[in-house]
Amino acid sequence: VRMGVLTCVKYLMFIFNVLVFAGGTCLTGMGVWVAVDPAGFQDIVATRAVLSAGAWLLLAVGIALSLLGFLGCCGALRRSRPLLLL
């Protein structure tokens, strides 16, 4: 029974980390879109410096979450304690 519980926890951690990775990828995409798109957000971003900084912050947080989610997925599948602690 104990092995079944550990396997369940392993896959739950993997699924959670996939969701973190997907969320980070979406944030990265939004950050790129807000920072680059001249027709959509650029008019709003150009008039307010805070929104321009927010776009770059969104991009940085998205990249960090994507990296964290990816390393978490690798750590969950390999049962690597250092990757999971990272």
Protein backbone atom coordinates (compact mmCIF):
# COMPACT_ATOMS: atom_id res chain seq x y z
CA VAL A 1 0.00 0.00 0.00
CA ARG A 2 2.86 2.40 0.79
CA MET A 3 4.31 2.10 -2.72
CA GLY A 4 0.91 3.02 -4.20
CA VAL A 5 0.75 6.16 -2.06
CA LEU A 6 4.26 7.21 -3.12
CA THR A 7 3.39 6.67 -6.77
CA CYS A 8 0.24 8.75 -6.36
CA VAL A 9 2.20 11.57 -4.69
CA LYS A 10 4.80 11.40 -7.47
CA TYR A 11 2.21 11.87 -10.20
CA LEU A 12 0.34 14.56 -8.27
CA MET A 13 3.59 16.51 -7.93
CA PHE A 14 4.22 16.03 -11.64
CA ILE A 15 0.74 17.31 -12.54
CA PHE A 16 1.11 20.31 -10.24
CA ASN A 17 4.47 21.16 -11.78
CA VAL A 18 3.04 20.82 -15.29
CA LEU A 19 0.38 23.37 -14.30
CA VAL A 20 3.07 25.72 -12.94
CA PHE A 21 5.04 25.29 -16.18
CA ALA A 22 1.93 25.99 -18.29
CA GLY A 23 1.11 29.07 -16.24
CA GLY A 24 4.66 30.36 -16.56
CA THR A 25 4.58 29.79 -20.30
CA CYS A 26 1.31 31.73 -20.56
CA LEU A 27 2.75 34.60 -18.50
CA THR A 28 5.83 34.64 -20.71
CA GLY A 29 3.66 34.78 -23.80
CA MET A 30 1.58 37.61 -22.36
CA GLY A 31 4.72 39.50 -21.37
CA VAL A 32 6.13 39.20 -24.87
CA TRP A 33 2.80 40.21 -26.38
CA VAL A 34 2.44 43.28 -24.18
CA ALA A 35 6.07 44.34 -24.71
CA VAL A 36 6.17 43.85 -28.48
CA ASP A 37 2.69 44.26 -30.00
CA PRO A 38 2.53 47.75 -31.53
CA ALA A 39 -1.15 47.67 -32.41
CA GLY A 40 -2.68 46.33 -29.21
CA PHE A 41 -0.99 47.27 -25.98
CA GLN A 42 1.79 49.53 -27.20
CA ASP A 43 -0.41 52.67 -27.18
CA ILE A 44 -1.28 52.09 -23.53
CA VAL A 45 2.25 51.01 -22.59
CA ALA A 46 3.91 53.95 -24.36
CA THR A 47 1.94 56.50 -22.35
CA ARG A 48 2.59 54.89 -18.96
CA ALA A 49 6.07 53.81 -17.94
CA VAL A 50 4.64 51.68 -15.12
CA LEU A 51 2.86 49.44 -17.61
CA SER A 52 6.02 49.06 -19.67
CA ALA A 53 7.94 47.97 -16.56
CA GLY A 54 5.04 45.67 -15.71
CA ALA A 55 5.33 43.97 -19.09
CA TRP A 56 9.00 43.20 -18.48
CA LEU A 57 8.23 42.05 -14.94
CA LEU A 58 5.52 39.77 -16.30
CA LEU A 59 8.04 38.35 -18.75
CA ALA A 60 10.64 37.74 -16.04
CA VAL A 61 8.16 36.08 -13.67
CA GLY A 62 6.85 33.91 -16.51
CA ILE A 63 10.34 32.72 -17.40
CA ALA A 64 11.12 31.98 -13.75
CA LEU A 65 7.90 30.00 -13.29
CA SER A 66 8.48 28.05 -16.50
CA LEU A 67 11.96 27.09 -15.37
CA LEU A 68 10.70 26.19 -11.90
CA GLY A 69 7.89 24.06 -13.32
CA PHE A 70 10.22 22.28 -15.73
CA LEU A 71 12.74 21.45 -13.02
CA GLY A 72 9.91 20.32 -10.75
CA CYS A 73 8.61 17.96 -13.45
CA CYS A 74 12.06 16.48 -13.92
CA GLY A 75 12.50 16.15 -10.16
CA ALA A 76 9.13 14.47 -9.70
CA LEU A 77 9.71 11.94 -12.45
CA ARG A 78 13.26 11.09 -11.35
CA ARG A 79 12.49 11.40 -7.63
CA SER A 80 15.39 13.82 -7.34
CA ARG A 81 15.34 15.62 -4.02
CA PRO A 82 17.65 18.52 -5.09
CA LEU A 83 15.47 19.31 -8.12
CA LEU A 84 12.34 19.25 -6.00
CA LEU A 85 13.91 21.47 -3.33
CA LEU A 86 15.04 23.94 -5.97
